[in-house]
Protein backbone atom coordinates (compact mmCIF):
# COMPACT_ATOMS: atom_id res chain seq x y z
CA UNK A 1 8.79 -15.10 6.47
CA UNK A 2 4.73 -14.17 5.79
CA UNK A 3 6.17 -10.34 5.37
CA UNK A 4 7.13 -11.67 1.67
CA UNK A 5 3.68 -11.52 0.38
CA UNK A 6 2.47 -8.81 0.04
CA UNK A 7 -2.03 -5.87 -1.20
CA UNK A 8 -4.39 18.96 -2.46
CA UNK A 9 -3.75 21.49 -4.42
CA UNK A 10 -1.62 24.67 -2.77
CA UNK A 11 1.37 24.39 -0.99
CA UNK A 12 0.57 26.31 1.97
CA UNK A 13 1.93 30.03 2.94
CA UNK A 14 4.18 29.81 5.92
CA UNK A 15 3.21 31.49 8.95
CA UNK A 16 -0.12 31.07 10.08
CA UNK A 17 -0.89 28.00 7.78
CA UNK A 18 2.02 26.10 9.88
CA UNK A 19 0.67 27.73 13.14
CA UNK A 20 -2.60 26.40 12.46
CA UNK A 21 -1.32 23.22 11.53
CA UNK A 22 0.78 22.90 14.89
CA UNK A 23 -2.33 23.65 16.86
CA UNK A 24 -3.72 20.72 14.96
CA UNK A 25 -1.05 18.43 16.34
CA UNK A 26 -0.82 19.72 19.58
CA UNK A 27 -5.14 18.89 19.51
CA UNK A 28 -4.26 15.43 18.21
CA UNK A 29 -1.86 14.56 20.84
CA UNK A 30 -3.72 15.40 23.71
CA UNK A 31 -6.99 14.55 23.05
CA UNK A 32 -8.67 11.66 23.92
CA UNK A 33 -10.54 10.77 21.18
CA UNK A 34 -9.58 12.34 17.75
CA UNK A 35 -11.97 12.77 14.45
CA UNK A 36 -10.15 11.05 11.87
CA UNK A 37 -11.31 10.56 8.29
CA UNK A 38 -10.58 7.51 6.51
CA UNK A 39 -10.63 8.54 2.66
CA UNK A 40 -10.68 4.99 0.58
CA UNK A 41 -13.17 2.59 1.66
CA UNK A 42 -10.88 -0.46 -0.03
CA UNK A 43 -9.48 -2.66 1.88
CA UNK A 44 -6.90 -0.87 3.70
CA UNK A 45 -8.88 1.73 4.52
CA UNK A 46 -11.82 -0.55 5.31
CA UNK A 47 -9.67 -2.30 7.79
CA UNK A 48 -8.18 0.73 9.65
CA UNK A 49 -11.58 2.52 9.90
CA UNK A 50 -12.92 -0.14 11.05
CA UNK A 51 -11.09 -1.27 13.78
CA UNK A 52 -10.26 2.57 14.64
CA UNK A 53 -14.18 2.86 15.27
CA UNK A 54 -14.01 -0.74 16.84
CA UNK A 55 -11.70 1.08 19.53
CA UNK A 56 -14.32 3.97 20.23
CA UNK A 57 -12.77 6.42 18.01
CA UNK A 58 -14.36 9.23 16.22
CA UNK A 59 -14.25 7.99 12.45
CA UNK A 60 -15.73 8.81 9.17
CA UNK A 61 -15.05 6.76 5.83
CA UNK A 62 -15.29 8.37 2.71
CA UNK A 63 -16.15 6.28 -0.72
CA UNK A 64 -17.51 5.78 -3.16
CA UNK A 65 -21.37 6.17 -4.11
CA UNK A 66 -21.78 2.31 -3.91
CA UNK A 67 -19.65 1.60 -1.13
CA UNK A 68 -21.15 4.72 0.93
CA UNK A 69 -24.41 3.19 0.41
CA UNK A 70 -23.23 -0.34 1.23
CA UNK A 71 -21.68 1.26 4.65
CA UNK A 72 -25.13 2.97 5.60
CA UNK A 73 -27.17 -0.08 4.84
CA UNK A 74 -25.12 -2.64 6.22
CA UNK A 75 -22.45 -1.61 7.95
CA UNK A 76 -18.55 -2.84 7.44
CA UNK A 77 -17.88 -6.65 7.74
CA UNK A 78 -14.00 -7.89 8.60
CA UNK A 79 -13.27 -11.17 8.53
CA UNK A 80 -10.04 -12.87 9.08
CA UNK A 81 -7.03 -13.21 11.32
CA UNK A 82 -9.33 -11.47 14.51
CA UNK A 83 -12.45 -13.49 13.69
CA UNK A 84 -15.59 -11.71 12.28
CA UNK A 85 -15.95 -7.79 13.10
CA UNK A 86 -19.25 -6.20 12.52
CA UNK A 87 -18.83 -2.21 12.76
CA UNK A 88 -21.50 0.68 11.92
CA UNK A 89 -19.10 2.95 10.27
CA UNK A 90 -19.89 6.97 9.30
CA UNK A 91 -19.74 7.07 5.49
CA UNK A 92 -19.93 10.11 3.14
CA UNK A 93 -18.81 10.41 0.03
CA UNK A 94 -17.02 13.67 -0.07
CA UNK A 95 -15.30 14.97 3.30
CA UNK A 96 -16.83 18.63 3.92
CA UNK A 97 -15.94 18.73 7.55
CA UNK A 98 -12.86 19.64 9.88
CA UNK A 99 -11.19 16.38 11.15
CA UNK A 100 -7.91 16.04 13.70
CA UNK A 101 -6.55 13.21 11.60
CA UNK A 102 -6.69 12.19 7.71
CA UNK A 103 -5.31 8.16 6.74
CA UNK A 104 -5.07 8.52 2.99
CA UNK A 105 -6.00 4.96 1.92
CA UNK A 106 -6.43 5.33 -2.05
CA UNK A 107 -4.22 3.86 -4.45
CA UNK A 108 -1.40 6.05 -5.46
CA UNK A 109 -2.50 6.71 -8.91
CA UNK A 110 -5.60 8.24 -7.14
CA UNK A 111 -3.75 10.62 -4.78
CA UNK A 112 -4.13 13.47 -6.91
CA UNK A 113 -7.89 13.13 -7.97
CA UNK A 114 -8.49 12.47 -4.56
CA UNK A 115 -7.37 16.21 -3.34
CA UNK A 116 -9.71 17.54 -6.57
CA UNK A 117 -12.65 15.60 -5.20
CA UNK A 118 -12.39 16.19 -1.65
CA UNK A 119 -11.00 19.31 0.53
CA UNK A 120 -8.70 17.98 2.87
CA UNK A 121 -6.04 19.98 0.44
CA UNK A 122 -7.47 23.13 2.57
CA UNK A 123 -7.50 22.06 5.95
CA UNK A 124 -4.52 22.36 8.52
CA UNK A 125 -4.45 18.40 9.77
CA UNK A 126 -2.00 15.67 9.25
CA UNK A 127 -2.27 13.52 6.85
CA UNK A 128 -0.76 9.52 6.79
CA UNK A 129 -0.24 8.32 3.39
CA UNK A 130 -0.38 4.32 3.17
CA UNK A 131 0.29 3.50 -0.44
CA UNK A 132 2.83 1.39 -1.80
CA UNK A 133 5.73 2.10 -3.44
CA UNK A 134 7.83 5.10 -3.12
CA UNK A 135 5.95 8.03 -4.83
CA UNK A 136 2.56 9.20 -3.06
CA UNK A 137 4.47 11.31 -0.48
CA UNK A 138 6.18 13.20 -3.19
CA UNK A 139 3.07 13.03 -4.67
CA UNK A 140 0.85 14.63 -1.74
CA UNK A 141 3.58 16.93 -0.81
CA UNK A 142 3.07 18.93 -4.52
CA UNK A 143 -0.33 19.81 -3.48
CA UNK A 144 -0.22 20.23 0.40
CA UNK A 145 2.22 21.51 2.95
CA UNK A 146 4.73 19.10 3.29
CA UNK A 147 4.82 18.97 7.05
CA UNK A 148 1.73 17.89 7.02
CA UNK A 149 2.65 14.52 5.66
CA UNK A 150 3.26 11.47 7.51
CA UNK A 151 4.70 8.56 5.95
CA UNK A 152 3.84 4.68 6.52
CA UNK A 153 4.38 1.31 5.43
CA UNK A 154 1.61 -1.02 5.56
CA UNK A 155 2.55 -4.40 6.81
CA UNK A 156 -0.86 -6.55 7.14
CA UNK A 157 -2.60 -7.75 4.88
CA UNK A 158 -6.15 -7.34 3.57
CA UNK A 159 -8.64 -8.07 0.45
CA UNK A 160 -11.67 -6.20 -0.69
CA UNK A 161 -13.87 -8.54 -1.65
CA UNK A 162 -17.29 -6.06 -1.97
CA UNK A 163 -18.63 -2.61 -0.83
CA UNK A 164 -18.36 -3.22 2.81
CA UNK A 165 -16.91 -6.52 3.04
CA UNK A 166 -13.22 -7.10 3.69
CA UNK A 167 -10.81 -9.85 4.90
CA UNK A 168 -7.68 -9.19 7.13
CA UNK A 169 -5.57 -11.85 5.98
CA UNK A 170 -2.73 -11.53 8.27
CA UNK A 171 -1.15 -9.62 10.77
CA UNK A 172 1.74 -7.26 10.63
CA UNK A 173 2.91 -3.82 11.53
CA UNK A 174 2.40 0.07 10.58
CA UNK A 175 5.80 1.78 9.88
CA UNK A 176 5.87 5.25 10.30
CA UNK A 177 8.18 8.08 9.91
CA UNK A 178 8.71 11.34 8.80
CA UNK A 179 9.91 11.12 5.31
CA UNK A 180 9.75 15.05 4.64
CA UNK A 181 11.33 15.82 7.91
CA UNK A 182 8.25 17.29 9.89
CA UNK A 183 8.16 17.94 13.32
CA UNK A 184 9.18 14.32 15.28
CA UNK A 185 6.15 15.59 18.34
CA UNK A 186 3.51 15.42 15.44
CA UNK A 187 4.04 11.67 14.98
CA UNK A 188 3.55 11.25 18.29
CA UNK A 189 -0.05 11.92 18.51
CA UNK A 190 -0.79 9.89 15.17
CA UNK A 191 1.05 6.97 17.01
CA UNK A 192 -1.20 6.92 20.21
CA UNK A 193 -4.07 6.77 17.82
CA UNK A 194 -2.96 4.22 15.54
CA UNK A 195 -1.03 1.58 17.90
CA UNK A 196 -4.75 0.94 19.63
CA UNK A 197 -5.14 -1.11 16.61
CA UNK A 198 -2.13 -2.13 15.16
CA UNK A 199 1.49 -2.31 16.71
CA UNK A 200 3.53 1.06 15.42
CA UNK A 201 6.94 1.38 14.90
CA UNK A 202 8.72 4.49 13.63
CA UNK A 203 12.00 4.70 11.66
CA UNK A 204 14.30 7.65 10.78
CA UNK A 205 14.73 5.92 7.37
CA UNK A 206 11.09 5.27 6.01
CA UNK A 207 12.32 5.92 2.36
CA UNK A 208 15.00 3.05 3.08
CA UNK A 209 11.83 0.37 4.36
CA UNK A 210 9.76 2.08 1.23
CA UNK A 211 12.09 0.40 -1.19
CA UNK A 212 12.58 -2.48 0.11
CA UNK A 213 8.45 -3.08 0.59
CA UNK A 214 8.64 -2.54 -2.60
CA UNK A 215 10.49 -5.69 -3.69
CA UNK A 216 7.93 -7.46 -1.70
CA UNK A 217 5.04 -6.34 -3.76
CA UNK A 218 6.92 -7.20 -6.83
CA UNK A 219 5.37 -10.15 -7.38
CA UNK A 220 1.89 -8.87 -7.10
CA UNK A 221 1.59 -8.36 -10.69
CA UNK A 222 2.52 -12.43 -11.52
CA UNK A 223 -1.16 -13.62 -9.87
CA UNK A 224 -2.30 -9.84 -11.86
CA UNK A 225 -1.53 -11.79 -15.14
CA UNK A 226 -3.37 -15.01 -14.71
CA UNK A 227 -6.16 -13.67 -12.68
CA UNK A 228 -5.62 -16.43 -9.76
CA UNK A 229 -4.60 -15.90 -6.36
CA UNK A 230 -1.06 -15.25 -4.83
CA UNK A 231 -1.64 -19.16 -3.35
CA UNK A 232 -2.67 -21.03 -6.82
CA UNK A 233 -0.22 -18.83 -8.71
CA UNK A 234 2.58 -19.99 -6.51
CA UNK A 235 1.87 -23.81 -6.37
CA UNK A 236 3.42 -23.40 -10.06
CA UNK A 237 7.17 -23.41 -9.58
CA UNK A 238 8.24 -22.50 -12.96
CA UNK A 239 5.62 -19.10 -11.75
CA UNK A 240 8.12 -18.91 -9.06
CA UNK A 241 10.89 -18.75 -11.33
CA UNK A 242 9.70 -15.65 -12.83
CA UNK A 243 9.26 -13.54 -9.62
CA UNK A 244 12.49 -14.54 -8.24
CA UNK A 245 13.82 -13.11 -11.86
CA UNK A 246 11.80 -10.20 -11.43
CA UNK A 247 13.50 -9.67 -7.63
CA UNK A 248 16.55 -10.19 -8.72
CA UNK A 249 16.46 -7.59 -11.64
CA UNK A 250 15.20 -5.54 -9.01
CA UNK A 251 18.32 -6.04 -6.83
CA UNK A 252 20.98 -5.31 -9.23
CA UNK A 253 19.30 -2.30 -10.22
CA UNK A 254 18.98 -0.73 -7.06
CA UNK A 255 22.81 -1.75 -6.34
CA UNK A 256 23.89 0.08 -9.58
CA UNK A 257 22.02 3.57 -8.98
CA UNK A 258 22.79 3.57 -5.32
CA UNK A 259 19.33 3.37 -3.95
CA UNK A 260 19.60 2.46 -0.13
CA UNK A 261 17.46 -0.59 0.89
CA UNK A 262 16.38 -0.32 4.68
CA UNK A 263 15.63 -3.64 6.46
CA UNK A 264 12.39 -3.72 7.62
CA UNK A 265 11.39 -5.16 11.31
CA UNK A 266 10.35 -8.65 9.96
CA UNK A 267 12.35 -8.78 6.56
CA UNK A 268 16.12 -7.80 6.33
CA UNK A 269 17.53 -6.83 3.50
CA UNK A 270 19.82 -9.85 4.04
CA UNK A 271 16.81 -12.19 3.40
CA UNK A 272 16.20 -10.71 -0.28
CA UNK A 273 19.98 -11.20 -1.21
CA UNK A 274 19.94 -14.89 0.03
CA UNK A 275 16.79 -15.44 -1.99
CA UNK A 276 18.02 -14.04 -4.93
CA UNK A 277 21.51 -15.55 -4.87
CA UNK A 278 20.50 -19.53 -4.07
CA UNK A 279 20.45 -21.63 -7.23
CA UNK A 280 17.34 -20.41 -9.36
CA UNK A 281 15.36 -23.89 -8.81
CA UNK A 282 16.09 -23.71 -5.06
CA UNK A 283 15.07 -20.50 -4.71
CA UNK A 284 11.86 -21.24 -6.82
CA UNK A 285 10.25 -23.86 -4.17
CA UNK A 286 11.44 -22.10 -1.15
CA UNK A 287 9.12 -19.05 -2.57
CA UNK A 288 6.88 -21.35 -3.43
CA UNK A 289 6.34 -22.60 0.03
CA UNK A 290 6.03 -19.29 1.44
CA UNK A 291 3.49 -17.94 -1.09
CA UNK A 292 0.83 -20.87 -0.61
CA UNK A 293 1.04 -20.64 2.94
CA UNK A 294 0.26 -16.94 3.10
CA UNK A 295 -3.28 -17.27 4.65
CA UNK A 296 -6.41 -19.55 5.40
CA UNK A 297 -8.45 -17.48 2.96
CA UNK A 298 -7.24 -16.58 -0.71
CA UNK A 299 -5.01 -13.66 -1.61
CA UNK A 300 -5.14 -11.87 -4.58
CA UNK A 301 -2.83 -8.94 -4.17
CA UNK A 302 -3.23 -5.27 -5.06
CA UNK A 303 -2.99 -5.07 -8.58
CA UNK A 304 -5.41 -8.34 -9.35
CA UNK A 305 -8.06 -6.76 -6.52
CA UNK A 306 -7.91 -3.62 -9.09
CA UNK A 307 -8.14 -5.29 -12.17
CA UNK A 308 -11.08 -7.49 -10.97
CA UNK A 309 -12.95 -3.91 -9.71
CA UNK A 310 -12.20 -2.90 -13.16
CA UNK A 311 -10.04 0.44 -12.08
CA UNK A 312 -6.50 1.16 -13.29
CA UNK A 313 -3.74 -1.13 -11.02
CA UNK A 314 -0.77 0.82 -9.32
CA UNK A 315 1.32 -1.18 -11.66
CA UNK A 316 3.53 2.12 -12.89
CA UNK A 317 4.25 2.32 -9.01
CA UNK A 318 5.90 -1.06 -8.27
CA UNK A 319 7.14 -2.80 -11.32
CA UNK A 320 6.97 0.55 -13.22
CA UNK A 321 8.88 2.33 -10.88
CA UNK A 322 11.99 0.38 -11.21
CA UNK A 323 11.72 1.04 -14.87
CA UNK A 324 11.57 4.92 -14.08
CA UNK A 325 14.71 4.75 -12.15
CA UNK A 326 16.32 2.74 -14.98
CA UNK A 327 15.46 5.10 -17.56
CA UNK A 328 16.24 7.91 -15.21
CA UNK A 329 19.90 6.70 -14.56
CA UNK A 330 20.62 5.05 -18.16
CA UNK A 331 20.13 1.66 -17.13
CA UNK A 332 17.80 -1.17 -18.01
CA UNK A 333 14.99 -3.38 -16.61
CA UNK A 334 13.44 -5.79 -19.31
CA UNK A 335 11.58 -7.91 -17.59
CA UNK A 336 10.15 -5.88 -15.04
CA UNK A 337 9.44 -3.44 -18.38
CA UNK A 338 7.62 -6.33 -19.67
CA UNK A 339 5.41 -7.31 -16.98
CA UNK A 340 4.14 -3.61 -16.60
CA UNK A 341 3.23 -3.97 -20.20
CA UNK A 342 2.00 -7.01 -19.83
CA UNK A 343 -0.55 -5.81 -17.05
CA UNK A 344 -1.03 -3.06 -18.94
CA UNK A 345 -2.59 -4.96 -21.43
CA UNK A 346 -4.94 -7.01 -19.37
CA UNK A 347 -6.03 -4.09 -17.81
CA UNK A 348 -7.19 -3.00 -21.06
CA UNK A 349 -8.45 -6.47 -22.77
CA UNK A 350 -10.04 -7.65 -19.41
CA UNK A 351 -8.76 -10.67 -20.29
CA UNK A 352 -5.88 -12.87 -18.17
CA UNK A 353 -2.74 -15.18 -19.83
CA UNK A 354 -2.50 -18.39 -19.20
CA UNK A 355 0.40 -19.67 -16.69
CA UNK A 356 2.10 -20.80 -20.13
CA UNK A 357 1.51 -17.75 -22.27
CA UNK A 358 3.32 -16.05 -18.99
CA UNK A 359 6.00 -18.14 -18.69
CA UNK A 360 6.23 -18.21 -22.34
CA UNK A 361 6.76 -14.43 -22.93
CA UNK A 362 8.77 -13.51 -20.37
CA UNK A 363 11.33 -16.78 -20.47
CA UNK A 364 12.42 -14.79 -23.86
CA UNK A 365 13.00 -11.71 -21.43
CA UNK A 366 14.58 -13.44 -18.57
């Protein structure tokens, strides 16, 4: 049940480009130690980069200036479910070297700019996407050879505290698949590397699972509105009813538009149906129990973490994805649309709503 919590510019020419890419995939599959670039030094990038470095892989973490300075001076500290880990990691502000594998660990809204800043659109190696939502792979495929892209879904939880300091809140799988239909052989090399630090599950329906994971992340918006942890937020039953209403609206929309939701290994689709079909007070109490027992450390969710850092959040690629789907198919998602607007208001004003204000604002839409 913990799984509910959840936080390139040219298209390659074919011919030599694909042959070169195939050579890199083959090397990756056979090499004992791969050279890996983690682009993004936030929560997910820090956890993946730190654990892979600890496992003996040749890792370079690509981050912002203040992150690189902290990593160089003090190394990377990860605390949480695996205890305290301190790792000396190599950190740079820009990727300017050949690598065997890239893990793209920036938010969806930063996918395009990360290619402008770095040079991995011109490399031949595979790129693993780790973003929430369903949009990152297609955004990336507009800028690099789609056959380089390996999709993934991150099921473990992590929180970014300050540059070089991460909390690993809870364990989980890394689910991988070839959404853009690359060769199955290309996945094998990545799996061999990643499974050194996380359990890996390979699926043939990565997009169906991404859509279900989007529902897992829909509740991230509520703590972001009041500026408190998941645990604090969902101790309030009234705020839990808001999350249940968001889930119900999203489920109705996907059913209306024919979107396929594929069960996650530890979160079957049926669980979402049960949660949204119970009487509202009963489902809210169940949701509260789950969310207030997420982890020993406070968990803030991806949206609130971005807001606290003064960065644009990924709200447009979570709840906003449902809003876009509704407009595209001639349907409506008024509650999710209202929440997206309120999150943007918090981003712009730097002022959080009170729980009462959230309930009052959204009760008019439910």
